Amino acid sequence: MNTGRLGPNIGALVITAMTSAWLLFSATARAVTPAPDGGYSGNNTAEGTDALFSLTTGKDNTAVGLNALYNNTGAIGNTAVGYRSLTNNATGSGNTACGGDTLVANSSGSSNTALGRSSLAFNLSGSENIAIGHNAGSQITATSYNIDIANSGDVHDV
């Protein structure tokens, strides 16, 4: 005989339906654009506060960390990993900076590789430099074709 009582699973079903509806219409549950893991136009990827902040026409850039590639506008193919890495870079392309404050002053230098905190930190326009280690290449500002490993002293062109 049917007494009109609902089954024991109806309560759980109602709660599930209400939760699903709330998630569907909740502003915090919606996707953000661009996606937090990148998804920017021009094959660019940014993760971190103000990473790639000034980007206009640049493409193929990767910025991870606070202010990484912050001033980058039209540069191509840079990789910046670490807080303030390549922060002032505007037009320099093909740079790789890994570590906090790496290539932080660079504005137009291209094809530089800086690995280690503050390596090539004061380079403005020098190109094709390699610096490995904490403060390595910190004296380089505008010269090119240097290799500096674990040295923060004077540099000489090779």
N, C-alpha and C. Protein backbone atom coordinates (compact mmCIF):
# COMPACT_ATOMS: atom_id res chain seq x y z
N MET A 1 0.83 -1.17 0.00
CA MET A 1 0.00 0.00 0.00
C MET A 1 0.88 1.24 0.00
N ASN A 2 0.58 2.20 -0.82
CA ASN A 2 1.34 3.44 -0.93
C ASN A 2 0.81 4.43 0.09
N THR A 3 1.70 4.84 1.01
CA THR A 3 1.27 5.77 2.06
C THR A 3 1.61 7.21 1.73
N GLY A 4 2.24 7.48 0.60
CA GLY A 4 2.58 8.84 0.20
C GLY A 4 3.89 9.33 0.79
N ARG A 5 4.63 8.48 1.43
CA ARG A 5 5.91 8.87 2.01
C ARG A 5 6.99 8.80 0.93
N LEU A 6 7.93 9.72 1.01
CA LEU A 6 9.05 9.72 0.08
C LEU A 6 10.13 8.77 0.58
N GLY A 7 10.86 8.20 -0.35
CA GLY A 7 11.92 7.27 0.01
C GLY A 7 13.04 7.97 0.78
N PRO A 8 13.92 7.21 1.44
CA PRO A 8 14.98 7.79 2.27
C PRO A 8 16.05 8.52 1.46
N ASN A 9 16.18 8.28 0.17
CA ASN A 9 17.21 8.92 -0.64
C ASN A 9 16.75 10.24 -1.26
N ILE A 10 15.50 10.59 -1.11
CA ILE A 10 14.98 11.83 -1.71
C ILE A 10 15.65 13.05 -1.08
N GLY A 11 15.87 13.04 0.22
CA GLY A 11 16.53 14.17 0.89
C GLY A 11 17.92 14.42 0.34
N ALA A 12 18.68 13.38 0.14
CA ALA A 12 20.02 13.51 -0.42
C ALA A 12 19.96 14.01 -1.85
N LEU A 13 18.97 13.56 -2.60
CA LEU A 13 18.80 14.00 -3.98
C LEU A 13 18.48 15.49 -4.04
N VAL A 14 17.63 15.97 -3.16
CA VAL A 14 17.28 17.39 -3.11
C VAL A 14 18.50 18.23 -2.76
N ILE A 15 19.28 17.80 -1.79
CA ILE A 15 20.49 18.54 -1.39
C ILE A 15 21.48 18.58 -2.54
N THR A 16 21.67 17.48 -3.23
CA THR A 16 22.57 17.43 -4.38
C THR A 16 22.11 18.37 -5.48
N ALA A 17 20.82 18.39 -5.77
CA ALA A 17 20.28 19.27 -6.81
C ALA A 17 20.47 20.74 -6.43
N MET A 18 20.22 21.08 -5.17
CA MET A 18 20.37 22.47 -4.74
C MET A 18 21.83 22.91 -4.78
N THR A 19 22.75 22.04 -4.38
CA THR A 19 24.18 22.36 -4.43
C THR A 19 24.63 22.55 -5.87
N SER A 20 24.19 21.70 -6.76
CA SER A 20 24.55 21.82 -8.17
C SER A 20 24.04 23.13 -8.75
N ALA A 21 22.82 23.50 -8.43
CA ALA A 21 22.26 24.76 -8.92
C ALA A 21 23.04 25.95 -8.38
N TRP A 22 23.44 25.90 -7.11
CA TRP A 22 24.21 27.00 -6.52
C TRP A 22 25.55 27.15 -7.23
N LEU A 23 26.24 26.03 -7.48
CA LEU A 23 27.52 26.09 -8.17
C LEU A 23 27.38 26.60 -9.60
N LEU A 24 26.29 26.24 -10.24
CA LEU A 24 26.05 26.66 -11.62
C LEU A 24 25.92 28.17 -11.72
N PHE A 25 25.26 28.79 -10.75
CA PHE A 25 24.99 30.22 -10.83
C PHE A 25 25.89 31.07 -9.95
N SER A 26 26.78 30.46 -9.21
CA SER A 26 27.67 31.20 -8.33
C SER A 26 28.76 31.89 -9.14
N ALA A 27 29.02 33.16 -8.85
CA ALA A 27 30.05 33.92 -9.56
C ALA A 27 31.44 33.35 -9.31
N THR A 28 31.67 32.82 -8.13
CA THR A 28 32.99 32.29 -7.82
C THR A 28 33.26 30.96 -8.48
N ALA A 29 32.26 30.31 -8.98
CA ALA A 29 32.45 29.01 -9.61
C ALA A 29 32.63 29.13 -11.12
N ARG A 30 32.48 30.29 -11.67
CA ARG A 30 32.60 30.48 -13.12
C ARG A 30 34.07 30.59 -13.52
N ALA A 31 34.35 30.27 -14.74
CA ALA A 31 35.71 30.36 -15.26
C ALA A 31 36.11 31.82 -15.43
N VAL A 32 37.39 32.09 -15.26
CA VAL A 32 37.92 33.44 -15.46
C VAL A 32 38.65 33.48 -16.79
N THR A 33 38.71 34.65 -17.37
CA THR A 33 39.41 34.83 -18.63
C THR A 33 40.46 35.90 -18.45
N PRO A 34 41.70 35.65 -18.79
CA PRO A 34 42.23 34.37 -19.23
C PRO A 34 42.29 33.38 -18.08
N ALA A 35 42.44 32.14 -18.44
CA ALA A 35 42.52 31.08 -17.43
C ALA A 35 43.70 31.34 -16.50
N PRO A 36 43.59 30.96 -15.22
CA PRO A 36 44.69 31.25 -14.30
C PRO A 36 45.99 30.52 -14.63
N ASP A 37 45.94 29.52 -15.45
CA ASP A 37 47.16 28.81 -15.82
C ASP A 37 47.69 29.26 -17.17
N GLY A 38 47.31 30.43 -17.63
CA GLY A 38 47.79 30.93 -18.90
C GLY A 38 46.62 31.17 -19.83
N GLY A 39 46.73 30.67 -21.03
CA GLY A 39 45.65 30.81 -21.98
C GLY A 39 45.57 32.18 -22.63
N TYR A 40 46.65 32.93 -22.60
CA TYR A 40 46.66 34.25 -23.22
C TYR A 40 46.85 34.12 -24.73
N SER A 41 46.48 35.15 -25.45
CA SER A 41 46.66 35.12 -26.90
C SER A 41 48.14 35.14 -27.25
N GLY A 42 48.46 34.78 -28.45
CA GLY A 42 49.84 34.81 -28.93
C GLY A 42 50.74 33.76 -28.28
N ASN A 43 50.16 32.69 -27.79
CA ASN A 43 50.93 31.62 -27.15
C ASN A 43 51.69 32.09 -25.92
N ASN A 44 51.18 33.09 -25.24
CA ASN A 44 51.79 33.60 -24.01
C ASN A 44 51.20 32.89 -22.81
N THR A 45 52.03 32.72 -21.78
CA THR A 45 51.58 32.12 -20.53
C THR A 45 52.06 32.99 -19.38
N ALA A 46 51.16 33.33 -18.47
CA ALA A 46 51.52 34.15 -17.31
C ALA A 46 50.90 33.56 -16.06
N GLU A 47 51.69 33.49 -15.01
CA GLU A 47 51.21 33.01 -13.72
C GLU A 47 51.91 33.82 -12.64
N GLY A 48 51.16 34.51 -11.83
CA GLY A 48 51.72 35.33 -10.76
C GLY A 48 51.21 36.75 -10.87
N THR A 49 51.23 37.46 -9.77
CA THR A 49 50.72 38.83 -9.73
C THR A 49 51.45 39.71 -10.74
N ASP A 50 50.71 40.33 -11.62
CA ASP A 50 51.20 41.27 -12.64
C ASP A 50 52.23 40.68 -13.60
N ALA A 51 52.28 39.38 -13.74
CA ALA A 51 53.14 38.77 -14.75
C ALA A 51 52.61 39.13 -16.13
N LEU A 52 53.49 39.54 -17.04
CA LEU A 52 53.12 40.00 -18.39
C LEU A 52 52.09 41.12 -18.34
N PHE A 53 52.19 41.99 -17.38
CA PHE A 53 51.20 43.05 -17.14
C PHE A 53 51.01 43.98 -18.33
N SER A 54 52.08 44.38 -19.00
CA SER A 54 52.01 45.38 -20.07
C SER A 54 51.95 44.79 -21.47
N LEU A 55 51.75 43.51 -21.59
CA LEU A 55 51.80 42.83 -22.88
C LEU A 55 50.83 43.44 -23.88
N THR A 56 51.33 43.72 -25.09
CA THR A 56 50.48 44.20 -26.18
C THR A 56 50.56 43.25 -27.37
N THR A 57 51.70 43.23 -28.05
CA THR A 57 51.83 42.41 -29.26
C THR A 57 52.81 41.25 -29.11
N GLY A 58 53.48 41.14 -27.99
CA GLY A 58 54.46 40.07 -27.80
C GLY A 58 53.82 38.70 -27.88
N LYS A 59 54.62 37.72 -28.27
CA LYS A 59 54.09 36.36 -28.35
C LYS A 59 55.14 35.36 -27.91
N ASP A 60 54.68 34.15 -27.62
CA ASP A 60 55.55 33.03 -27.23
C ASP A 60 56.36 33.32 -25.97
N ASN A 61 55.81 34.10 -25.05
CA ASN A 61 56.48 34.42 -23.79
C ASN A 61 55.89 33.60 -22.65
N THR A 62 56.75 33.29 -21.67
CA THR A 62 56.31 32.60 -20.46
C THR A 62 56.80 33.40 -19.26
N ALA A 63 55.88 33.81 -18.40
CA ALA A 63 56.22 34.59 -17.22
C ALA A 63 55.60 33.94 -15.99
N VAL A 64 56.45 33.57 -15.03
CA VAL A 64 55.97 32.93 -13.81
C VAL A 64 56.60 33.65 -12.62
N GLY A 65 55.77 34.29 -11.81
CA GLY A 65 56.25 34.98 -10.62
C GLY A 65 55.80 36.43 -10.59
N LEU A 66 55.85 37.02 -9.42
CA LEU A 66 55.48 38.42 -9.22
C LEU A 66 56.24 39.33 -10.18
N ASN A 67 55.54 40.12 -10.96
CA ASN A 67 56.10 41.10 -11.90
C ASN A 67 57.02 40.51 -12.97
N ALA A 68 56.98 39.22 -13.19
CA ALA A 68 57.80 38.62 -14.24
C ALA A 68 57.37 39.18 -15.60
N LEU A 69 58.33 39.67 -16.38
CA LEU A 69 58.06 40.28 -17.69
C LEU A 69 57.01 41.39 -17.59
N TYR A 70 57.01 42.14 -16.53
CA TYR A 70 56.01 43.18 -16.26
C TYR A 70 55.89 44.20 -17.39
N ASN A 71 57.01 44.75 -17.87
CA ASN A 71 56.98 45.79 -18.90
C ASN A 71 57.07 45.26 -20.33
N ASN A 72 57.04 43.96 -20.49
CA ASN A 72 57.14 43.36 -21.81
C ASN A 72 55.96 43.81 -22.67
N THR A 73 56.25 44.41 -23.81
CA THR A 73 55.17 44.85 -24.69
C THR A 73 55.14 44.02 -25.98
N GLY A 74 56.21 44.07 -26.76
CA GLY A 74 56.20 43.39 -28.04
C GLY A 74 57.28 42.35 -28.21
N ALA A 75 57.98 42.02 -27.15
CA ALA A 75 59.07 41.05 -27.25
C ALA A 75 58.55 39.64 -27.49
N ILE A 76 59.41 38.82 -28.07
CA ILE A 76 59.02 37.47 -28.48
C ILE A 76 59.94 36.43 -27.85
N GLY A 77 59.35 35.35 -27.38
CA GLY A 77 60.11 34.18 -26.97
C GLY A 77 60.94 34.30 -25.71
N ASN A 78 60.48 35.05 -24.73
CA ASN A 78 61.19 35.17 -23.45
C ASN A 78 60.62 34.18 -22.44
N THR A 79 61.49 33.71 -21.55
CA THR A 79 61.07 32.87 -20.44
C THR A 79 61.58 33.50 -19.16
N ALA A 80 60.66 33.86 -18.27
CA ALA A 80 61.02 34.48 -16.99
C ALA A 80 60.36 33.70 -15.86
N VAL A 81 61.19 33.11 -15.00
CA VAL A 81 60.68 32.34 -13.87
C VAL A 81 61.33 32.87 -12.60
N GLY A 82 60.53 33.47 -11.74
CA GLY A 82 61.03 34.04 -10.50
C GLY A 82 60.52 35.46 -10.35
N TYR A 83 60.38 35.89 -9.10
CA TYR A 83 59.85 37.23 -8.86
C TYR A 83 60.74 38.28 -9.51
N ARG A 84 60.13 39.23 -10.17
CA ARG A 84 60.77 40.35 -10.86
C ARG A 84 61.77 39.93 -11.93
N SER A 85 61.73 38.71 -12.41
CA SER A 85 62.63 38.32 -13.49
C SER A 85 62.18 39.00 -14.79
N LEU A 86 63.14 39.60 -15.48
CA LEU A 86 62.89 40.34 -16.73
C LEU A 86 61.80 41.40 -16.56
N THR A 87 61.68 41.99 -15.40
CA THR A 87 60.63 42.97 -15.11
C THR A 87 60.61 44.14 -16.08
N ASN A 88 61.77 44.71 -16.39
CA ASN A 88 61.82 45.91 -17.22
C ASN A 88 61.99 45.62 -18.70
N ASN A 89 62.01 44.36 -19.08
CA ASN A 89 62.17 44.02 -20.49
C ASN A 89 60.98 44.54 -21.29
N ALA A 90 61.27 45.31 -22.33
CA ALA A 90 60.21 45.83 -23.19
C ALA A 90 60.26 45.18 -24.57
N THR A 91 61.47 45.15 -25.16
CA THR A 91 61.59 44.67 -26.53
C THR A 91 62.62 43.57 -26.73
N GLY A 92 63.42 43.26 -25.71
CA GLY A 92 64.41 42.20 -25.84
C GLY A 92 63.75 40.85 -26.01
N SER A 93 64.22 40.07 -26.98
CA SER A 93 63.59 38.78 -27.28
C SER A 93 64.57 37.62 -27.06
N GLY A 94 64.01 36.45 -26.83
CA GLY A 94 64.81 35.25 -26.72
C GLY A 94 65.62 35.13 -25.44
N ASN A 95 65.23 35.83 -24.38
CA ASN A 95 65.94 35.77 -23.10
C ASN A 95 65.38 34.66 -22.23
N THR A 96 66.26 34.08 -21.40
CA THR A 96 65.85 33.10 -20.41
C THR A 96 66.35 33.58 -19.05
N ALA A 97 65.44 33.79 -18.12
CA ALA A 97 65.80 34.27 -16.78
C ALA A 97 65.13 33.38 -15.74
N CYS A 98 65.94 32.70 -14.94
CA CYS A 98 65.41 31.82 -13.90
C CYS A 98 66.00 32.20 -12.55
N GLY A 99 65.16 32.69 -11.66
CA GLY A 99 65.59 33.12 -10.33
C GLY A 99 65.09 34.52 -10.06
N GLY A 100 64.90 34.85 -8.82
CA GLY A 100 64.44 36.19 -8.46
C GLY A 100 65.40 37.27 -8.92
N ASP A 101 64.86 38.34 -9.46
CA ASP A 101 65.63 39.51 -9.93
C ASP A 101 66.61 39.20 -11.05
N THR A 102 66.44 38.11 -11.78
CA THR A 102 67.33 37.82 -12.91
C THR A 102 66.95 38.71 -14.08
N LEU A 103 67.96 39.31 -14.70
CA LEU A 103 67.77 40.22 -15.83
C LEU A 103 66.71 41.29 -15.53
N VAL A 104 66.63 41.73 -14.30
CA VAL A 104 65.57 42.64 -13.85
C VAL A 104 65.63 43.99 -14.56
N ALA A 105 66.82 44.49 -14.91
CA ALA A 105 66.95 45.81 -15.54
C ALA A 105 66.93 45.73 -17.06
N ASN A 106 67.03 44.54 -17.62
CA ASN A 106 67.10 44.39 -19.08
C ASN A 106 65.90 45.06 -19.75
N SER A 107 66.18 45.90 -20.75
CA SER A 107 65.07 46.52 -21.48
C SER A 107 65.06 46.10 -22.95
N SER A 108 66.27 45.95 -23.54
CA SER A 108 66.30 45.63 -24.96
C SER A 108 67.30 44.54 -25.33
N GLY A 109 68.08 44.05 -24.38
CA GLY A 109 69.03 42.98 -24.67
C GLY A 109 68.31 41.71 -25.07
N SER A 110 68.91 40.96 -25.99
CA SER A 110 68.28 39.74 -26.49
C SER A 110 69.21 38.53 -26.36
N SER A 111 68.61 37.37 -26.33
CA SER A 111 69.32 36.08 -26.32
C SER A 111 70.27 35.94 -25.13
N ASN A 112 69.88 36.46 -23.97
CA ASN A 112 70.65 36.30 -22.74
C ASN A 112 70.11 35.12 -21.95
N THR A 113 71.00 34.48 -21.19
CA THR A 113 70.60 33.41 -20.29
C THR A 113 71.13 33.73 -18.90
N ALA A 114 70.22 33.86 -17.94
CA ALA A 114 70.59 34.17 -16.56
C ALA A 114 69.96 33.15 -15.63
N LEU A 115 70.80 32.41 -14.91
CA LEU A 115 70.32 31.38 -13.99
C LEU A 115 70.90 31.63 -12.61
N GLY A 116 70.05 31.90 -11.65
CA GLY A 116 70.49 32.17 -10.29
C GLY A 116 70.06 33.56 -9.86
N ARG A 117 69.72 33.71 -8.61
CA ARG A 117 69.19 34.98 -8.10
C ARG A 117 70.10 36.15 -8.46
N SER A 118 69.50 37.18 -9.01
CA SER A 118 70.15 38.44 -9.37
C SER A 118 71.23 38.31 -10.44
N SER A 119 71.26 37.21 -11.17
CA SER A 119 72.25 37.11 -12.24
C SER A 119 71.85 38.02 -13.40
N LEU A 120 72.84 38.68 -13.97
CA LEU A 120 72.65 39.70 -15.02
C LEU A 120 71.63 40.76 -14.60
N ALA A 121 71.58 41.07 -13.33
CA ALA A 121 70.55 41.97 -12.80
C ALA A 121 70.63 43.38 -13.37
N PHE A 122 71.82 43.86 -13.72
CA PHE A 122 71.95 45.24 -14.20
C PHE A 122 72.14 45.35 -15.70
N ASN A 123 72.01 44.24 -16.41
CA ASN A 123 72.12 44.29 -17.87
C ASN A 123 70.96 45.11 -18.43
N LEU A 124 71.28 46.10 -19.24
CA LEU A 124 70.26 46.93 -19.88
C LEU A 124 70.04 46.54 -21.33
N SER A 125 71.16 46.42 -22.07
CA SER A 125 71.02 46.20 -23.51
C SER A 125 72.00 45.17 -24.07
N GLY A 126 72.86 44.61 -23.24
CA GLY A 126 73.78 43.59 -23.72
C GLY A 126 73.03 42.36 -24.20
N SER A 127 73.61 41.70 -25.20
CA SER A 127 72.96 40.52 -25.78
C SER A 127 73.90 39.32 -25.79
N GLU A 128 73.30 38.15 -25.84
CA GLU A 128 74.01 36.88 -25.93
C GLU A 128 75.01 36.68 -24.80
N ASN A 129 74.60 37.05 -23.59
CA ASN A 129 75.39 36.82 -22.38
C ASN A 129 74.85 35.60 -21.66
N ILE A 130 75.75 34.91 -20.94
CA ILE A 130 75.36 33.78 -20.11
C ILE A 130 75.90 34.03 -18.71
N ALA A 131 75.03 33.97 -17.71
CA ALA A 131 75.45 34.13 -16.32
C ALA A 131 74.78 33.05 -15.48
N ILE A 132 75.61 32.32 -14.72
CA ILE A 132 75.10 31.23 -13.90
C ILE A 132 75.60 31.41 -12.47
N GLY A 133 74.67 31.49 -11.53
CA GLY A 133 75.01 31.62 -10.12
C GLY A 133 74.51 32.93 -9.54
N HIS A 134 74.40 32.96 -8.22
CA HIS A 134 73.93 34.15 -7.50
C HIS A 134 74.80 35.36 -7.84
N ASN A 135 74.19 36.43 -8.31
CA ASN A 135 74.86 37.68 -8.70
C ASN A 135 75.82 37.55 -9.88
N ALA A 136 75.86 36.42 -10.55
CA ALA A 136 76.77 36.26 -11.68
C ALA A 136 76.44 37.29 -12.76
N GLY A 137 77.46 37.90 -13.30
CA GLY A 137 77.27 38.90 -14.36
C GLY A 137 76.65 40.18 -13.90
N SER A 138 76.71 40.46 -12.61
CA SER A 138 76.04 41.67 -12.10
C SER A 138 76.71 42.96 -12.54
N GLN A 139 77.93 42.88 -13.09
CA GLN A 139 78.62 44.08 -13.58
C GLN A 139 78.34 44.34 -15.06
N ILE A 140 77.69 43.42 -15.72
CA ILE A 140 77.39 43.59 -17.14
C ILE A 140 76.20 44.52 -17.29
N THR A 141 76.37 45.58 -18.08
CA THR A 141 75.26 46.50 -18.33
C THR A 141 74.93 46.62 -19.81
N ALA A 142 75.95 46.66 -20.66
CA ALA A 142 75.68 46.87 -22.08
C ALA A 142 76.58 46.05 -22.99
N THR A 143 77.51 45.28 -22.45
CA THR A 143 78.39 44.49 -23.30
C THR A 143 77.71 43.18 -23.68
N SER A 144 78.23 42.56 -24.71
CA SER A 144 77.63 41.33 -25.23
C SER A 144 78.66 40.21 -25.29
N TYR A 145 78.18 39.00 -25.45
CA TYR A 145 78.99 37.80 -25.64
C TYR A 145 79.87 37.47 -24.42
N ASN A 146 79.36 37.64 -23.22
CA ASN A 146 80.08 37.29 -21.99
C ASN A 146 79.56 35.98 -21.44
N ILE A 147 80.48 35.24 -20.80
CA ILE A 147 80.11 34.05 -20.05
C ILE A 147 80.63 34.27 -18.63
N ASP A 148 79.73 34.22 -17.66
CA ASP A 148 80.10 34.52 -16.28
C ASP A 148 79.48 33.47 -15.37
N ILE A 149 80.34 32.68 -14.72
CA ILE A 149 79.85 31.62 -13.85
C ILE A 149 80.29 31.91 -12.42
N ALA A 150 79.31 32.11 -11.54
CA ALA A 150 79.55 32.35 -10.12
C ALA A 150 80.53 33.48 -9.87
N ASN A 151 80.42 34.54 -10.64
CA ASN A 151 81.33 35.67 -10.49
C ASN A 151 80.52 36.96 -10.48
N SER A 152 80.68 37.76 -9.45
CA SER A 152 79.98 39.04 -9.41
C SER A 152 80.95 40.20 -9.53
N GLY A 153 82.19 39.92 -9.87
CA GLY A 153 83.20 40.97 -10.01
C GLY A 153 83.25 41.52 -11.42
N ASP A 154 84.42 42.05 -11.80
CA ASP A 154 84.61 42.63 -13.12
C ASP A 154 84.43 41.57 -14.20
N VAL A 155 83.97 42.01 -15.34
CA VAL A 155 83.81 41.10 -16.47
C VAL A 155 84.68 41.57 -17.61
N HIS A 156 85.04 40.65 -18.44
CA HIS A 156 85.84 40.96 -19.61
C HIS A 156 85.21 40.25 -20.79
N ASP A 157 85.18 40.92 -21.92
CA ASP A 157 84.64 40.28 -23.11
C ASP A 157 85.51 39.10 -23.49
N VAL A 158 84.88 38.06 -23.99
CA VAL A 158 85.63 36.87 -24.42
C VAL A 158 85.62 36.79 -25.93
